[in-house]
Amino acid sequence: MQFRTQIPISKTNNPIDYTSKVMAIGSCFAENMAEKFDYFKFQNATNPFGIIFNPVSIEKIISRVVKQEAYTEKDVFFHNERWHCFEVHSDLSHSDRQELLETLNKTVSETARQLQEASHIIITYGTSWVYRNLESDQIVANCHKVPQKQFAKELLSVDVIQKSIQNTIDLIQVLNPNVNFVFTVSPVRHIKDGFAENQLSKAHLFAGLHHNLQATIYNQKPGYFPSYEIMMDELRDYRFYAEDMLHPNAVAIDYIWQRFSENYIAENSISTMKEVDEIQKSLRHRSFNPESEQHQKFLAKLHQKAERLNAKFSHIRF
């Protein structure tokens, strides 16, 4: 007897292994998944310009990277004793304007290299709600706590989302025509927009995204991982949410990662993941007597395990 539905997921024809290079872009859920890739020592890069929630802002960043358009003084502004850029997250903001511009332009170059080398790109969309700066008439990725009267809030239409996602795909293929795309909609609920408004926002993302999933890219269709659907149906209980009742908690993230691994991680990498997991857990072990002979033997054995993995995959270091 079954007491819940399980979301069916088709196994990918292009799985991720320890030779793959993964790039994740998008909402804070992209960061959750990246933490798992980091833990298991896969080669990955995440949100070089910080967390970005909406399709138009992701497209804008990708366009700048592909076209190698440098940031200049007109792209930054001073507010609350720091310099900011409306295209990127506040994590990149800086007290010195030149330092911020140098960081932004270095990130443009580095991201272009990462996109060229990536075997897989995972894009997570969070919301269809956006804020348009009234002075520039441009959609921003982050308002940086600038007074709300300087922005107009609007909902991206399905057509705009669909075109933006297609533009993002086309731009990335200029740098890397053979990259494997995996799209997902973030399971994080944006209740500050309103309950009905959050559902409408997600619905627009689904409608725009699924139009693109029907397209064929170099004889293959873009992948889709149903993280939102897993959260809503398989984990339909508040015990799987963090204290804010909006974000998935650690148990939920572990489960969603498990479902992802089953379908997107190569079978020949599972044994390596288990080895990495054993070493990571051992590294967290705290001995009652660090100077004891027994603990020294434990450390020596642990070092040997780590060295063996490093010999197989030079990027794996602990």
Protein backbone atom coordinates (compact mmCIF):
# COMPACT_ATOMS: atom_id res chain seq x y z
CA MET A 1 0.00 0.00 0.00
CA GLN A 2 1.35 3.41 -0.99
CA PHE A 3 0.62 6.51 1.04
CA ARG A 4 2.16 9.10 -1.29
CA THR A 5 2.79 9.73 -4.95
CA GLN A 6 6.33 9.64 -6.31
CA ILE A 7 7.27 11.95 -9.14
CA PRO A 8 8.47 9.94 -12.15
CA ILE A 9 11.89 11.10 -13.43
CA SER A 10 13.49 9.86 -16.62
CA LYS A 11 17.16 8.93 -16.37
CA THR A 12 19.35 11.26 -18.37
CA ASN A 13 21.32 10.01 -21.34
CA ASN A 14 24.20 12.31 -20.37
CA PRO A 15 24.87 11.71 -16.67
CA ILE A 16 27.30 13.64 -14.48
CA ASP A 17 30.47 11.88 -13.37
CA TYR A 18 33.77 12.89 -11.79
CA THR A 19 35.19 14.07 -15.12
CA SER A 20 32.18 16.36 -15.68
CA LYS A 21 32.28 20.09 -15.06
CA VAL A 22 28.99 21.43 -13.74
CA MET A 23 27.85 25.03 -13.60
CA ALA A 24 24.76 26.03 -11.61
CA ILE A 25 23.01 29.36 -12.01
CA GLY A 26 19.87 30.79 -10.47
CA SER A 27 17.95 30.93 -7.20
CA CYS A 28 19.09 29.95 -3.71
CA PHE A 29 18.07 26.35 -4.46
CA ALA A 30 20.94 26.28 -6.99
CA GLU A 31 23.19 26.97 -4.01
CA ASN A 32 21.65 24.06 -2.07
CA MET A 33 22.45 21.68 -4.91
CA ALA A 34 25.94 23.14 -5.33
CA GLU A 35 26.69 22.41 -1.67
CA LYS A 36 25.97 18.75 -2.42
CA PHE A 37 28.26 18.80 -5.47
CA ASP A 38 30.94 20.39 -3.28
CA TYR A 39 30.49 17.86 -0.49
CA PHE A 40 30.87 14.93 -2.89
CA LYS A 41 33.83 16.64 -4.60
CA PHE A 42 32.42 17.01 -8.09
CA GLN A 43 33.89 19.74 -10.29
CA ASN A 44 31.39 22.58 -10.16
CA ALA A 45 30.94 26.34 -10.11
CA THR A 46 27.89 28.17 -8.79
CA ASN A 47 26.34 31.61 -9.22
CA PRO A 48 29.48 33.63 -9.95
CA PHE A 49 27.34 36.80 -9.86
CA GLY A 50 25.40 35.67 -6.80
CA ILE A 51 21.84 34.42 -6.46
CA ILE A 52 19.58 35.50 -9.32
CA PHE A 53 15.89 34.61 -9.29
CA ASN A 54 14.25 35.61 -12.56
CA PRO A 55 14.81 34.50 -16.19
CA VAL A 56 15.39 37.98 -17.63
CA SER A 57 18.19 38.81 -15.19
CA ILE A 58 19.85 35.44 -15.83
CA GLU A 59 19.67 36.08 -19.57
CA LYS A 60 21.17 39.56 -19.10
CA ILE A 61 24.16 38.17 -17.16
CA ILE A 62 24.74 35.37 -19.68
CA SER A 63 24.56 37.88 -22.55
CA ARG A 64 27.20 40.09 -20.93
CA VAL A 65 29.47 37.09 -20.32
CA VAL A 66 29.15 35.68 -23.84
CA LYS A 67 29.65 39.07 -25.48
CA GLN A 68 32.44 39.96 -23.01
CA GLU A 69 30.87 43.33 -22.26
CA ALA A 70 32.89 44.99 -19.53
CA TYR A 71 31.24 46.77 -16.61
CA THR A 72 31.91 50.50 -16.49
CA GLU A 73 31.19 53.30 -14.04
CA LYS A 74 27.69 53.79 -15.49
CA ASP A 75 26.79 50.23 -14.36
CA VAL A 76 27.37 50.85 -10.66
CA PHE A 77 25.91 53.22 -8.08
CA PHE A 78 26.53 54.32 -4.49
CA HIS A 79 23.97 53.57 -1.76
CA ASN A 80 24.27 53.03 2.01
CA GLU A 81 28.04 53.56 1.93
CA ARG A 82 28.64 50.83 -0.64
CA TRP A 83 28.88 50.52 -4.40
CA HIS A 84 26.36 48.19 -6.05
CA CYS A 85 25.32 46.88 -9.44
CA PHE A 86 21.66 46.20 -10.24
CA GLU A 87 22.63 43.18 -12.39
CA VAL A 88 24.22 41.19 -9.58
CA HIS A 89 23.66 40.13 -5.98
CA SER A 90 24.67 42.35 -3.06
CA ASP A 91 27.32 39.78 -2.07
CA LEU A 92 29.50 41.40 -4.72
CA SER A 93 28.91 44.97 -3.49
CA HIS A 94 31.97 46.84 -2.24
CA SER A 95 32.95 50.00 -0.39
CA ASP A 96 35.35 50.90 -3.22
CA ARG A 97 33.99 51.53 -6.73
CA GLN A 98 37.13 50.46 -8.57
CA GLU A 99 37.39 47.27 -6.55
CA LEU A 100 33.79 46.40 -7.44
CA LEU A 101 34.37 47.04 -11.16
CA GLU A 102 37.53 44.94 -11.15
CA THR A 103 35.70 42.10 -9.39
CA LEU A 104 32.78 42.26 -11.82
CA ASN A 105 34.98 42.24 -14.91
CA LYS A 106 37.20 39.48 -13.58
CA THR A 107 34.02 37.46 -12.93
CA VAL A 108 32.84 38.07 -16.51
CA SER A 109 36.07 36.57 -17.89
CA GLU A 110 36.13 33.69 -15.42
CA THR A 111 32.48 32.82 -16.07
CA ALA A 112 33.08 32.76 -19.82
CA ARG A 113 35.88 30.24 -19.30
CA GLN A 114 33.70 28.12 -17.00
CA LEU A 115 30.85 28.11 -19.52
CA GLN A 116 33.21 27.06 -22.30
CA GLU A 117 34.52 24.16 -20.23
CA ALA A 118 31.20 23.05 -18.69
CA SER A 119 29.76 19.66 -19.55
CA HIS A 120 26.46 20.44 -17.77
CA ILE A 121 24.69 23.65 -16.85
CA ILE A 122 21.89 23.59 -14.28
CA ILE A 123 19.59 26.64 -14.32
CA THR A 124 17.11 27.12 -11.48
CA TYR A 125 14.35 29.71 -11.89
CA GLY A 126 12.77 31.10 -8.72
CA THR A 127 10.14 33.66 -9.65
CA SER A 128 8.35 35.49 -12.45
CA TRP A 129 8.00 38.63 -10.33
CA VAL A 130 10.54 41.31 -11.18
CA TYR A 131 11.36 44.89 -10.25
CA ARG A 132 11.92 47.47 -12.98
CA ASN A 133 14.04 50.50 -12.20
CA LEU A 134 11.97 53.54 -13.16
CA GLU A 135 14.95 55.70 -14.07
CA SER A 136 16.63 53.22 -16.44
CA ASP A 137 13.50 51.23 -17.36
CA GLN A 138 15.55 48.06 -16.81
CA ILE A 139 14.64 44.92 -14.86
CA VAL A 140 17.03 44.48 -11.95
CA ALA A 141 18.38 41.28 -10.39
CA ASN A 142 18.60 42.88 -6.95
CA CYS A 143 17.21 46.12 -5.52
CA HIS A 144 20.04 46.49 -2.94
CA LYS A 145 17.59 48.03 -0.43
CA VAL A 146 17.10 51.07 -2.62
CA PRO A 147 13.70 52.69 -1.76
CA GLN A 148 10.83 50.81 -3.41
CA LYS A 149 9.40 53.99 -4.91
CA GLN A 150 12.24 53.81 -7.44
CA PHE A 151 10.89 50.54 -8.87
CA ALA A 152 7.77 49.15 -10.49
CA LYS A 153 6.87 45.57 -9.64
CA GLU A 154 5.59 43.43 -12.51
CA LEU A 155 4.91 39.83 -13.46
CA LEU A 156 6.79 38.48 -16.47
CA SER A 157 4.44 37.09 -19.09
CA VAL A 158 4.75 33.49 -20.26
CA ASP A 159 5.85 34.72 -23.69
CA VAL A 160 8.61 36.90 -22.24
CA ILE A 161 9.84 34.02 -20.07
CA GLN A 162 9.82 31.59 -22.98
CA LYS A 163 11.83 33.97 -25.19
CA SER A 164 14.24 34.81 -22.37
CA ILE A 165 14.98 31.13 -21.70
CA GLN A 166 15.48 30.47 -25.41
CA ASN A 167 17.84 33.45 -25.64
CA THR A 168 19.80 32.08 -22.67
CA ILE A 169 20.14 28.69 -24.39
CA ASP A 170 21.22 30.28 -27.67
CA LEU A 171 23.78 32.51 -25.96
CA ILE A 172 25.38 29.68 -24.00
CA GLN A 173 25.64 27.59 -27.16
CA VAL A 174 27.73 30.31 -28.76
CA LEU A 175 30.44 29.49 -26.21
CA ASN A 176 29.69 25.81 -25.76
CA PRO A 177 27.47 24.11 -28.35
CA ASN A 178 27.75 20.68 -26.72
CA VAL A 179 26.81 21.54 -23.11
CA ASN A 180 23.98 19.58 -21.50
CA PHE A 181 21.18 21.74 -20.10
CA VAL A 182 19.22 20.82 -16.96
CA PHE A 183 16.40 23.17 -15.94
CA THR A 184 14.40 23.23 -12.73
CA VAL A 185 11.95 25.47 -10.88
CA SER A 186 12.94 26.30 -7.31
CA PRO A 187 10.82 24.70 -4.55
CA VAL A 188 11.27 27.82 -2.41
CA ARG A 189 7.96 29.66 -1.93
CA HIS A 190 8.04 33.44 -2.41
CA ILE A 191 5.19 34.19 -0.01
CA LYS A 192 6.19 37.85 0.36
CA ASP A 193 4.56 38.27 -3.07
CA GLY A 194 1.35 36.71 -1.72
CA PHE A 195 0.08 33.11 -1.70
CA ALA A 196 -1.92 33.30 -4.93
CA GLU A 197 0.77 35.49 -6.48
CA ASN A 198 3.44 32.88 -5.69
CA GLN A 199 1.43 30.17 -7.44
CA LEU A 200 0.85 32.44 -10.42
CA SER A 201 4.56 33.21 -10.57
CA LYS A 202 5.51 29.52 -10.57
CA ALA A 203 2.81 28.76 -13.16
CA HIS A 204 4.30 31.35 -15.54
CA LEU A 205 7.74 29.78 -15.07
CA PHE A 206 6.39 26.32 -15.82
CA ALA A 207 4.49 27.45 -18.91
CA GLY A 208 7.44 29.39 -20.33
CA LEU A 209 10.02 26.74 -19.48
CA HIS A 210 8.11 23.72 -20.74
CA HIS A 211 7.68 25.33 -24.15
CA ASN A 212 11.49 25.30 -24.45
CA LEU A 213 11.79 21.75 -23.15
CA GLN A 214 10.06 20.53 -26.30
CA ALA A 215 12.85 21.92 -28.49
CA THR A 216 15.73 19.75 -29.63
CA ILE A 217 19.27 20.97 -29.03
CA TYR A 218 21.91 19.14 -31.02
CA ASN A 219 19.77 15.99 -31.28
CA GLN A 220 18.79 16.02 -27.63
CA LYS A 221 16.14 17.71 -25.53
CA PRO A 222 17.08 19.89 -22.54
CA GLY A 223 16.79 18.03 -19.25
CA TYR A 224 14.21 18.89 -16.61
CA PHE A 225 14.49 18.01 -12.93
CA PRO A 226 11.21 18.39 -10.97
CA SER A 227 12.52 19.81 -7.69
CA TYR A 228 9.39 21.94 -7.16
CA GLU A 229 7.10 18.99 -7.85
CA ILE A 230 9.02 16.73 -5.47
CA MET A 231 8.69 19.32 -2.70
CA MET A 232 4.99 19.88 -3.33
CA ASP A 233 3.91 16.25 -3.77
CA GLU A 234 6.43 13.81 -2.32
CA LEU A 235 7.33 16.04 0.63
CA ARG A 236 3.88 17.47 1.25
CA ASP A 237 4.38 18.28 4.92
CA TYR A 238 5.66 21.28 6.90
CA ARG A 239 8.18 19.06 8.69
CA PHE A 240 10.24 19.29 5.49
CA TYR A 241 10.49 23.08 5.69
CA ALA A 242 12.97 25.29 7.52
CA GLU A 243 11.81 27.53 10.36
CA ASP A 244 10.60 30.20 7.92
CA MET A 245 8.18 27.62 6.42
CA LEU A 246 9.33 28.73 2.97
CA HIS A 247 12.68 27.03 2.27
CA PRO A 248 13.29 23.26 2.19
CA ASN A 249 15.10 22.08 5.31
CA ALA A 250 18.18 19.83 5.37
CA VAL A 251 16.10 16.63 5.24
CA ALA A 252 14.20 17.86 2.18
CA ILE A 253 17.40 18.95 0.42
CA ASP A 254 18.98 15.56 1.14
CA TYR A 255 15.95 13.79 -0.33
CA ILE A 256 15.79 15.99 -3.43
CA TRP A 257 19.53 15.45 -3.94
CA GLN A 258 18.95 11.69 -3.63
CA ARG A 259 16.31 11.82 -6.38
CA PHE A 260 18.66 13.93 -8.49
CA SER A 261 21.55 11.48 -7.96
CA GLU A 262 19.43 8.51 -8.96
CA ASN A 263 18.74 10.04 -12.35
CA TYR A 264 21.56 12.45 -13.14
CA ILE A 265 24.70 10.94 -11.59
CA ALA A 266 26.52 8.24 -13.55
CA GLU A 267 26.36 4.78 -11.98
CA ASN A 268 30.15 4.42 -12.18
CA SER A 269 30.47 7.45 -9.87
CA ILE A 270 28.27 6.14 -7.06
CA SER A 271 31.09 4.11 -5.47
CA THR A 272 33.36 7.18 -5.53
CA MET A 273 30.60 9.23 -3.89
CA LYS A 274 30.43 6.65 -1.11
CA GLU A 275 34.20 6.84 -0.60
CA VAL A 276 34.08 10.63 -0.47
CA ASP A 277 31.18 10.49 1.99
CA GLU A 278 33.11 8.14 4.30
CA ILE A 279 36.14 10.44 4.28
CA GLN A 280 34.02 13.56 4.87
CA LYS A 281 32.32 11.94 7.86
CA SER A 282 35.66 10.77 9.23
CA LEU A 283 37.10 14.27 8.92
CA ARG A 284 34.27 15.54 11.10
CA HIS A 285 35.05 12.96 13.76
CA ARG A 286 36.43 14.49 16.95
CA SER A 287 38.70 12.28 19.01
CA PHE A 288 38.63 12.27 22.80
CA ASN A 289 42.39 11.69 22.72
CA PRO A 290 43.95 13.24 19.56
CA GLU A 291 47.48 12.24 20.64
CA SER A 292 46.69 8.55 21.11
CA GLU A 293 48.31 5.87 18.93
CA GLN A 294 44.88 4.62 17.89
CA HIS A 295 43.87 8.08 16.61
CA GLN A 296 47.16 8.50 14.75
CA LYS A 297 46.55 5.18 12.98
CA PHE A 298 43.04 6.37 12.16
CA LEU A 299 44.45 9.58 10.62
CA ALA A 300 47.08 7.68 8.63
CA LYS A 301 44.44 5.37 7.18
CA LEU A 302 42.23 8.35 6.37
CA HIS A 303 45.15 10.06 4.62
CA GLN A 304 45.76 6.94 2.52
CA LYS A 305 42.11 6.86 1.43
CA ALA A 306 42.26 10.52 0.43
CA GLU A 307 45.51 9.98 -1.48
CA ARG A 308 44.02 7.06 -3.42
CA LEU A 309 41.07 9.20 -4.50
CA ASN A 310 43.37 12.06 -5.46
CA ALA A 311 45.41 9.67 -7.61
CA LYS A 312 42.22 8.72 -9.51
CA PHE A 313 40.82 12.25 -9.73
CA SER A 314 43.38 15.02 -9.28
CA HIS A 315 40.72 17.65 -8.45
CA ILE A 316 39.54 15.73 -5.34
CA ARG A 317 41.25 17.23 -2.31
CA PHE A 318 40.23 17.29 1.34
